[in-house]
PDB file of N, CA and C in Angstrom:
ATOM      1  N   UNK A   1      -6.392 -11.648 -12.048  1.00  0.00           N
ATOM      2  CA  UNK A   1      -5.614 -11.805 -10.957  1.00  0.00           C
ATOM      3  C   UNK A   1      -5.707 -11.317 -10.417  1.00  0.00           C
ATOM      4  N   UNK A   2      -5.869 -12.575  -8.834  1.00  0.00           N
ATOM      5  CA  UNK A   2      -5.627 -11.897  -7.084  1.00  0.00           C
ATOM      6  C   UNK A   2      -4.117 -10.912  -7.220  1.00  0.00           C
ATOM      7  N   UNK A   3      -4.761 -10.139  -6.139  1.00  0.00           N
ATOM      8  CA  UNK A   3      -3.156  -9.334  -6.051  1.00  0.00           C
ATOM      9  C   UNK A   3      -3.652  -8.877  -4.273  1.00  0.00           C
ATOM     10  N   UNK A   4      -1.988  -9.368  -4.205  1.00  0.00           N
ATOM     11  CA  UNK A   4      -2.149  -9.064  -2.602  1.00  0.00           C
ATOM     12  C   UNK A   4      -2.101  -7.575  -1.959  1.00  0.00           C
ATOM     13  N   UNK A   5      -2.760  -7.986  -0.832  1.00  0.00           N
ATOM     14  CA  UNK A   5      -3.075  -6.665  -0.142  1.00  0.00           C
ATOM     15  C   UNK A   5      -1.961  -5.706  -0.041  1.00  0.00           C
ATOM     16  N   UNK A   6      -1.980  -4.307  -0.066  1.00  0.00           N
ATOM     17  CA  UNK A   6      -1.177  -3.753   0.013  1.00  0.00           C
ATOM     18  C   UNK A   6      -0.207  -4.188   1.243  1.00  0.00           C
ATOM     19  N   UNK A   7      -0.506  -4.033   2.647  1.00  0.00           N
ATOM     20  CA  UNK A   7      -0.073  -4.218   3.783  1.00  0.00           C
ATOM     21  C   UNK A   7       0.707  -5.330   3.417  1.00  0.00           C
ATOM     22  N   UNK A   8       0.071  -6.533   3.187  1.00  0.00           N
ATOM     23  CA  UNK A   8       1.554  -7.790   2.466  1.00  0.00           C
ATOM     24  C   UNK A   8       2.611  -7.353   1.902  1.00  0.00           C
ATOM     25  N   UNK A   9       2.208  -6.785   1.076  1.00  0.00           N
ATOM     26  CA  UNK A   9       3.464  -6.559   0.137  1.00  0.00           C
ATOM     27  C   UNK A   9       4.414  -5.480   1.153  1.00  0.00           C
ATOM     28  N   UNK A  10       3.938  -4.687   1.882  1.00  0.00           N
ATOM     29  CA  UNK A  10       4.414  -3.860   2.712  1.00  0.00           C
ATOM     30  C   UNK A  10       5.126  -4.435   3.433  1.00  0.00           C
ATOM     31  N   UNK A  11       4.685  -5.078   4.004  1.00  0.00           N
ATOM     32  CA  UNK A  11       5.828  -6.217   5.437  1.00  0.00           C
ATOM     33  C   UNK A  11       6.613  -6.917   4.728  1.00  0.00           C
ATOM     34  N   UNK A  12       6.035  -7.826   3.327  1.00  0.00           N
ATOM     35  CA  UNK A  12       7.499  -8.187   2.716  1.00  0.00           C
ATOM     36  C   UNK A  12       8.556  -7.845   2.095  1.00  0.00           C
ATOM     37  N   UNK A  13       8.325  -6.202   1.625  1.00  0.00           N
ATOM     38  CA  UNK A  13       9.127  -5.542   1.414  1.00  0.00           C
ATOM     39  C   UNK A  13      10.000  -5.404   2.052  1.00  0.00           C
ATOM     40  N   UNK A  14       9.842  -4.831   3.450  1.00  0.00           N
ATOM     41  CA  UNK A  14      10.063  -4.425   4.621  1.00  0.00           C
ATOM     42  C   UNK A  14      11.456  -5.992   5.193  1.00  0.00           C
ATOM     43  N   UNK A  15      10.854  -6.922   5.279  1.00  0.00           N
ATOM     44  CA  UNK A  15      11.510  -8.085   5.552  1.00  0.00           C
ATOM     45  C   UNK A  15      12.398  -8.777   4.448  1.00  0.00           C
ATOM     46  N   UNK A  16      12.007  -9.129   3.684  1.00  0.00           N
ATOM     47  CA  UNK A  16      13.178  -8.587   2.187  1.00  0.00           C
ATOM     48  C   UNK A  16      14.042  -7.846   2.826  1.00  0.00           C
ATOM     49  N   UNK A  17      14.388  -6.893   2.979  1.00  0.00           N
ATOM     50  CA  UNK A  17      14.996  -5.393   2.570  1.00  0.00           C
ATOM     51  C   UNK A  17      15.706  -5.507   3.740  1.00  0.00           C
ATOM     52  N   UNK A  18      15.138  -6.046   5.296  1.00  0.00           N
ATOM     53  CA  UNK A  18      15.329  -6.208   6.392  1.00  0.00           C
ATOM     54  C   UNK A  18      16.708  -7.742   6.565  1.00  0.00           C
ATOM     55  N   UNK A  19      16.739  -8.684   5.816  1.00  0.00           N
ATOM     56  CA  UNK A  19      17.093  -9.842   6.058  1.00  0.00           C
ATOM     57  C   UNK A  19      18.763  -9.884   4.918  1.00  0.00           C
ATOM     58  N   UNK A  20      17.918  -8.704   3.987  1.00  0.00           N
ATOM     59  CA  UNK A  20      19.607  -8.491   2.401  1.00  0.00           C
ATOM     60  C   UNK A  20      20.638  -7.506   3.920  1.00  0.00           C
ATOM     61  N   UNK A  21      19.697  -7.126   4.279  1.00  0.00           N
ATOM     62  CA  UNK A  21      21.101  -6.358   5.787  1.00  0.00           C
ATOM     63  C   UNK A  21      21.787  -7.136   6.326  1.00  0.00           C
ATOM     64  N   UNK A  22      21.456  -8.192   6.832  1.00  0.00           N
ATOM     65  CA  UNK A  22      21.570  -9.015   7.132  1.00  0.00           C
ATOM     66  C   UNK A  22      22.551 -10.156   6.831  1.00  0.00           C
ATOM     67  N   UNK A  23      22.441 -10.330   5.709  1.00  0.00           N
ATOM     68  CA  UNK A  23      22.874 -11.739   4.731  1.00  0.00           C
ATOM     69  C   UNK A  23      24.391 -11.959   4.862  1.00  0.00           C
ATOM     70  N   UNK A  24      24.724 -13.167   5.163  1.00  0.00           N
ATOM     71  CA  UNK A  24      25.783 -13.266   5.549  1.00  0.00           C
ATOM     72  C   UNK A  24      25.917 -13.855   7.227  1.00  0.00           C
ATOM     73  N   UNK A  25      24.713 -13.448   7.889  1.00  0.00           N
ATOM     74  CA  UNK A  25      24.751 -14.156   9.611  1.00  0.00           C
ATOM     75  C   UNK A  25      24.484 -15.263   9.651  1.00  0.00           C
ATOM     76  N   UNK A  26      24.096 -15.845   8.620  1.00  0.00           N
ATOM     77  CA  UNK A  26      24.161 -17.526   9.155  1.00  0.00           C
ATOM     78  C   UNK A  26      22.866 -18.220   8.331  1.00  0.00           C
ATOM     79  N   UNK A  27      22.641 -19.368   8.921  1.00  0.00           N
ATOM     80  CA  UNK A  27      21.815 -19.428   8.076  1.00  0.00           C
ATOM     81  C   UNK A  27      20.593 -19.649   8.458  1.00  0.00           C
ATOM     82  N   UNK A  28      20.353 -19.246   9.202  1.00  0.00           N
ATOM     83  CA  UNK A  28      18.954 -18.708  10.068  1.00  0.00           C
ATOM     84  C   UNK A  28      18.289 -17.371   8.424  1.00  0.00           C
ATOM     85  N   UNK A  29      19.500 -16.949   9.258  1.00  0.00           N
ATOM     86  CA  UNK A  29      19.562 -15.536   7.554  1.00  0.00           C
ATOM     87  C   UNK A  29      18.540 -16.352   6.644  1.00  0.00           C
ATOM     88  N   UNK A  30      19.855 -16.768   5.696  1.00  0.00           N
ATOM     89  CA  UNK A  30      19.973 -17.160   4.261  1.00  0.00           C
ATOM     90  C   UNK A  30      18.643 -18.129   3.986  1.00  0.00           C
ATOM     91  N   UNK A  31      18.048 -18.716   5.274  1.00  0.00           N
ATOM     92  CA  UNK A  31      16.742 -19.530   5.174  1.00  0.00           C
ATOM     93  C   UNK A  31      15.299 -18.845   4.774  1.00  0.00           C
ATOM     94  N   UNK A  32      15.373 -17.268   5.980  1.00  0.00           N
ATOM     95  CA  UNK A  32      14.985 -15.960   5.782  1.00  0.00           C
ATOM     96  C   UNK A  32      14.568 -15.575   4.516  1.00  0.00           C
ATOM     97  N   UNK A  33      15.272 -15.150   3.661  1.00  0.00           N
ATOM     98  CA  UNK A  33      15.793 -15.247   2.347  1.00  0.00           C
ATOM     99  C   UNK A  33      15.035 -15.729   1.693  1.00  0.00           C
ATOM    100  N   UNK A  34      15.715 -16.595   1.343  1.00  0.00           N
ATOM    101  CA  UNK A  34      14.851 -17.726   0.236  1.00  0.00           C
ATOM    102  C   UNK A  34      13.737 -17.647   0.891  1.00  0.00           C
ATOM    103  N   UNK A  35      12.629 -17.741   1.964  1.00  0.00           N
ATOM    104  CA  UNK A  35      11.591 -17.803   2.464  1.00  0.00           C
ATOM    105  C   UNK A  35      10.678 -16.807   1.354  1.00  0.00           C
ATOM    106  N   UNK A  36      11.004 -15.303   1.730  1.00  0.00           N
ATOM    107  CA  UNK A  36      10.580 -14.007   1.987  1.00  0.00           C
ATOM    108  C   UNK A  36      10.527 -14.064   0.295  1.00  0.00           C
ATOM    109  N   UNK A  37      12.123 -13.892  -0.346  1.00  0.00           N
ATOM    110  CA  UNK A  37      11.897 -14.129  -1.716  1.00  0.00           C
ATOM    111  C   UNK A  37      11.041 -14.551  -2.544  1.00  0.00           C
ATOM    112  N   UNK A  38      10.379 -16.306  -2.096  1.00  0.00           N
ATOM    113  CA  UNK A  38       9.468 -17.454  -2.304  1.00  0.00           C
ATOM    114  C   UNK A  38       7.764 -16.181  -2.496  1.00  0.00           C
ATOM    115  N   UNK A  39       7.995 -15.823  -1.557  1.00  0.00           N
ATOM    116  CA  UNK A  39       6.637 -15.233  -0.988  1.00  0.00           C
ATOM    117  C   UNK A  39       6.450 -13.893  -1.848  1.00  0.00           C
ATOM    118  N   UNK A  40       7.678 -13.240  -2.067  1.00  0.00           N
ATOM    119  CA  UNK A  40       7.380 -11.864  -2.705  1.00  0.00           C
ATOM    120  C   UNK A  40       6.824 -12.716  -4.274  1.00  0.00           C
ATOM    121  N   UNK A  41       7.651 -13.908  -5.226  1.00  0.00           N
ATOM    122  CA  UNK A  41       7.900 -14.326  -5.844  1.00  0.00           C
ATOM    123  C   UNK A  41       6.269 -14.884  -6.317  1.00  0.00           C
ATOM    124  N   UNK A  42       5.451 -15.259  -5.477  1.00  0.00           N
ATOM    125  CA  UNK A  42       3.871 -15.718  -5.662  1.00  0.00           C
ATOM    126  C   UNK A  42       3.444 -14.633  -5.526  1.00  0.00           C
ATOM    127  N   UNK A  43       3.199 -13.926  -5.007  1.00  0.00           N
ATOM    128  CA  UNK A  43       2.478 -12.468  -4.235  1.00  0.00           C
ATOM    129  C   UNK A  43       1.937 -12.098  -5.336  1.00  0.00           C
ATOM    130  N   UNK A  44       2.754 -11.820  -5.767  1.00  0.00           N
ATOM    131  CA  UNK A  44       3.193 -10.938  -7.352  1.00  0.00           C
ATOM    132  C   UNK A  44       2.863 -11.176  -8.487  1.00  0.00           C
ATOM    133  N   UNK A  45       3.421 -12.760  -8.990  1.00  0.00           N
ATOM    134  CA  UNK A  45       3.037 -13.706  -9.861  1.00  0.00           C
ATOM    135  C   UNK A  45       4.230 -13.228 -10.780  1.00  0.00           C
ATOM    136  N   UNK A  46       5.479 -13.445 -10.272  1.00  0.00           N
ATOM    137  CA  UNK A  46       6.559 -13.440 -10.179  1.00  0.00           C
ATOM    138  C   UNK A  46       7.578 -14.808 -10.668  1.00  0.00           C
ATOM    139  N   UNK A  47       8.325 -14.933 -11.289  1.00  0.00           N
ATOM    140  CA  UNK A  47       9.477 -16.074 -11.025  1.00  0.00           C
ATOM    141  C   UNK A  47      10.972 -15.805 -10.393  1.00  0.00           C
ATOM    142  N   UNK A  48      11.845 -14.311 -10.893  1.00  0.00           N
ATOM    143  CA  UNK A  48      12.311 -13.466 -10.224  1.00  0.00           C
ATOM    144  C   UNK A  48      12.490 -12.990  -9.119  1.00  0.00           C
ATOM    145  N   UNK A  49      13.138 -12.846  -8.039  1.00  0.00           N
ATOM    146  CA  UNK A  49      12.708 -12.007  -7.119  1.00  0.00           C
ATOM    147  C   UNK A  49      13.197 -10.209  -7.618  1.00  0.00           C
ATOM    148  N   UNK A  50      14.262 -10.151  -8.520  1.00  0.00           N
ATOM    149  CA  UNK A  50      14.293  -8.795  -8.941  1.00  0.00           C
ATOM    150  C   UNK A  50      12.665  -8.214  -9.685  1.00  0.00           C
ATOM    151  N   UNK A  51      11.957  -9.096 -10.603  1.00  0.00           N
ATOM    152  CA  UNK A  51      10.869  -8.440 -10.875  1.00  0.00           C
ATOM    153  C   UNK A  51       9.783  -8.315 -10.067  1.00  0.00           C
ATOM    154  N   UNK A  52      10.067  -8.932  -8.826  1.00  0.00           N
ATOM    155  CA  UNK A  52       9.299  -9.376  -7.982  1.00  0.00           C
ATOM    156  C   UNK A  52       8.812  -8.305  -7.090  1.00  0.00           C
ATOM    157  N   UNK A  53      10.054  -7.407  -6.971  1.00  0.00           N
ATOM    158  CA  UNK A  53      10.590  -6.386  -6.318  1.00  0.00           C
ATOM    159  C   UNK A  53       9.801  -5.199  -6.988  1.00  0.00           C
ATOM    160  N   UNK A  54      10.223  -4.961  -7.617  1.00  0.00           N
ATOM    161  CA  UNK A  54       9.642  -4.603  -8.862  1.00  0.00           C
ATOM    162  C   UNK A  54       8.281  -4.314  -9.251  1.00  0.00           C
ATOM    163  N   UNK A  55       7.758  -5.510  -9.089  1.00  0.00           N
ATOM    164  CA  UNK A  55       5.964  -5.120  -9.386  1.00  0.00           C
ATOM    165  C   UNK A  55       5.428  -5.031  -7.752  1.00  0.00           C
ATOM    166  N   UNK A  56       6.106  -5.357  -6.428  1.00  0.00           N
ATOM    167  CA  UNK A  56       5.291  -5.339  -5.452  1.00  0.00           C
ATOM    168  C   UNK A  56       5.466  -3.608  -5.938  1.00  0.00           C
ATOM    169  N   UNK A  57       6.256  -2.786  -5.874  1.00  0.00           N
ATOM    170  CA  UNK A  57       7.107  -1.435  -5.332  1.00  0.00           C
ATOM    171  C   UNK A  57       5.796  -1.226  -6.239  1.00  0.00           C
ATOM    172  N   UNK A  58       5.574  -1.513  -7.896  1.00  0.00           N
ATOM    173  CA  UNK A  58       4.585  -0.416  -8.834  1.00  0.00           C
ATOM    174  C   UNK A  58       3.297  -0.465  -8.096  1.00  0.00           C
ATOM    175  N   UNK A  59       3.085  -2.100  -7.684  1.00  0.00           N
ATOM    176  CA  UNK A  59       1.325  -2.410  -7.037  1.00  0.00           C
ATOM    177  C   UNK A  59       1.402  -1.023  -5.811  1.00  0.00           C
ATOM    178  N   UNK A  60       2.817  -0.796  -5.078  1.00  0.00           N
ATOM    179  CA  UNK A  60       1.894  -0.011  -4.452  1.00  0.00           C
ATOM    180  C   UNK A  60       2.301   2.060  -4.003  1.00  0.00           C
ATOM    181  N   UNK A  61       2.809   1.889  -5.577  1.00  0.00           N
ATOM    182  CA  UNK A  61       2.962   3.201  -5.735  1.00  0.00           C
ATOM    183  C   UNK A  61       1.133   3.446  -6.616  1.00  0.00           C
ATOM    184  N   UNK A  62       0.619   2.474  -7.102  1.00  0.00           N
ATOM    185  CA  UNK A  62      -0.945   3.116  -7.791  1.00  0.00           C
ATOM    186  C   UNK A  62      -1.960   3.367  -6.626  1.00  0.00           C
ATOM    187  N   UNK A  63      -2.718   3.800  -6.795  1.00  0.00           N
ATOM    188  CA  UNK A  63      -3.469   4.760  -5.871  1.00  0.00           C
ATOM    189  C   UNK A  63      -4.596   3.388  -6.147  1.00  0.00           C
ATOM    190  N   UNK A  64      -4.895   3.208  -4.627  1.00  0.00           N
ATOM    191  CA  UNK A  64      -5.485   2.627  -4.359  1.00  0.00           C
ATOM    192  C   UNK A  64      -7.179   2.812  -4.534  1.00  0.00           C
ATOM    193  N   UNK A  65      -7.869   0.957  -4.907  1.00  0.00           N
ATOM    194  CA  UNK A  65      -8.888   0.880  -5.807  1.00  0.00           C
ATOM    195  C   UNK A  65     -10.020   1.076  -4.691  1.00  0.00           C
ATOM    196  N   UNK A  66     -10.699   1.681  -5.143  1.00  0.00           N
ATOM    197  CA  UNK A  66     -11.808   2.592  -4.327  1.00  0.00           C
ATOM    198  C   UNK A  66     -12.636   1.365  -3.619  1.00  0.00           C
ATOM    199  N   UNK A  67     -12.831   1.501  -2.341  1.00  0.00           N
ATOM    200  CA  UNK A  67     -13.310   0.488  -1.645  1.00  0.00           C
ATOM    201  C   UNK A  67     -14.600   0.054  -1.541  1.00  0.00           C
ATOM    202  N   UNK A  68     -14.986   1.538  -1.100  1.00  0.00           N
ATOM    203  CA  UNK A  68     -16.394   1.635  -0.821  1.00  0.00           C
ATOM    204  C   UNK A  68     -17.422   2.243  -1.816  1.00  0.00           C
ATOM    205  N   UNK A  69     -16.931   1.497  -2.804  1.00  0.00           N
ATOM    206  CA  UNK A  69     -18.326   2.459  -3.481  1.00  0.00           C
ATOM    207  C   UNK A  69     -19.295   1.688  -3.708  1.00  0.00           C
ATOM    208  N   UNK A  70     -20.532   2.193  -3.523  1.00  0.00           N
ATOM    209  CA  UNK A  70     -21.668   1.958  -3.765  1.00  0.00           C
ATOM    210  C   UNK A  70     -22.305   1.385  -4.553  1.00  0.00           C
ATOM    211  N   UNK A  71     -22.407  -0.412  -4.534  1.00  0.00           N
ATOM    212  CA  UNK A  71     -23.064  -1.301  -5.770  1.00  0.00           C
ATOM    213  C   UNK A  71     -24.335  -0.842  -6.149  1.00  0.00           C
ATOM    214  N   UNK A  72     -24.410  -0.465  -7.113  1.00  0.00           N
ATOM    215  CA  UNK A  72     -26.296  -0.362  -7.277  1.00  0.00           C
ATOM    216  C   UNK A  72     -26.964  -2.105  -7.341  1.00  0.00           C
ATOM    217  N   UNK A  73     -28.133  -1.844  -6.416  1.00  0.00           N
ATOM    218  CA  UNK A  73     -28.659  -3.492  -6.314  1.00  0.00           C
ATOM    219  C   UNK A  73     -30.060  -3.135  -7.238  1.00  0.00           C
ATOM    220  N   UNK A  74     -29.964  -1.665  -7.907  1.00  0.00           N
ATOM    221  CA  UNK A  74     -31.814  -2.002  -8.352  1.00  0.00           C
ATOM    222  C   UNK A  74     -31.057  -2.873  -9.975  1.00  0.00           C
ATOM    223  N   UNK A  75     -32.268  -2.876 -11.105  1.00  0.00           N
ATOM    224  CA  UNK A  75     -32.141  -3.751 -11.959  1.00  0.00           C
ATOM    225  C   UNK A  75     -33.333  -2.771 -12.693  1.00  0.00           C
ATOM    226  N   UNK A  76     -32.991  -2.443 -13.668  1.00  0.00           N
ATOM    227  CA  UNK A  76     -33.948  -1.857 -14.524  1.00  0.00           C
ATOM    228  C   UNK A  76     -34.799  -2.470 -15.377  1.00  0.00           C
ATOM    229  N   UNK A  77     -36.149  -1.810 -15.470  1.00  0.00           N
ATOM    230  CA  UNK A  77     -37.580  -2.100 -16.215  1.00  0.00           C
ATOM    231  C   UNK A  77     -36.853  -1.899 -17.314  1.00  0.00           C
TER     232      UNK A  77
END
């Protein structure tokens, strides 16, 4: 399964919380909240925002995978 980059998840969570705080301030806020909710669901492979928020937060809590681990290119004889 593809996983969103942590920086992307952090930004989506930040935007979601910001828009939730502004909820009721107009159609633009409602549309933005709908958009970021959809993107969070797609990014986490979920269908509901509560599950998407939980999945995103869980992914951010996990230790980062080793990105600089050397890959052996030698072939055993």
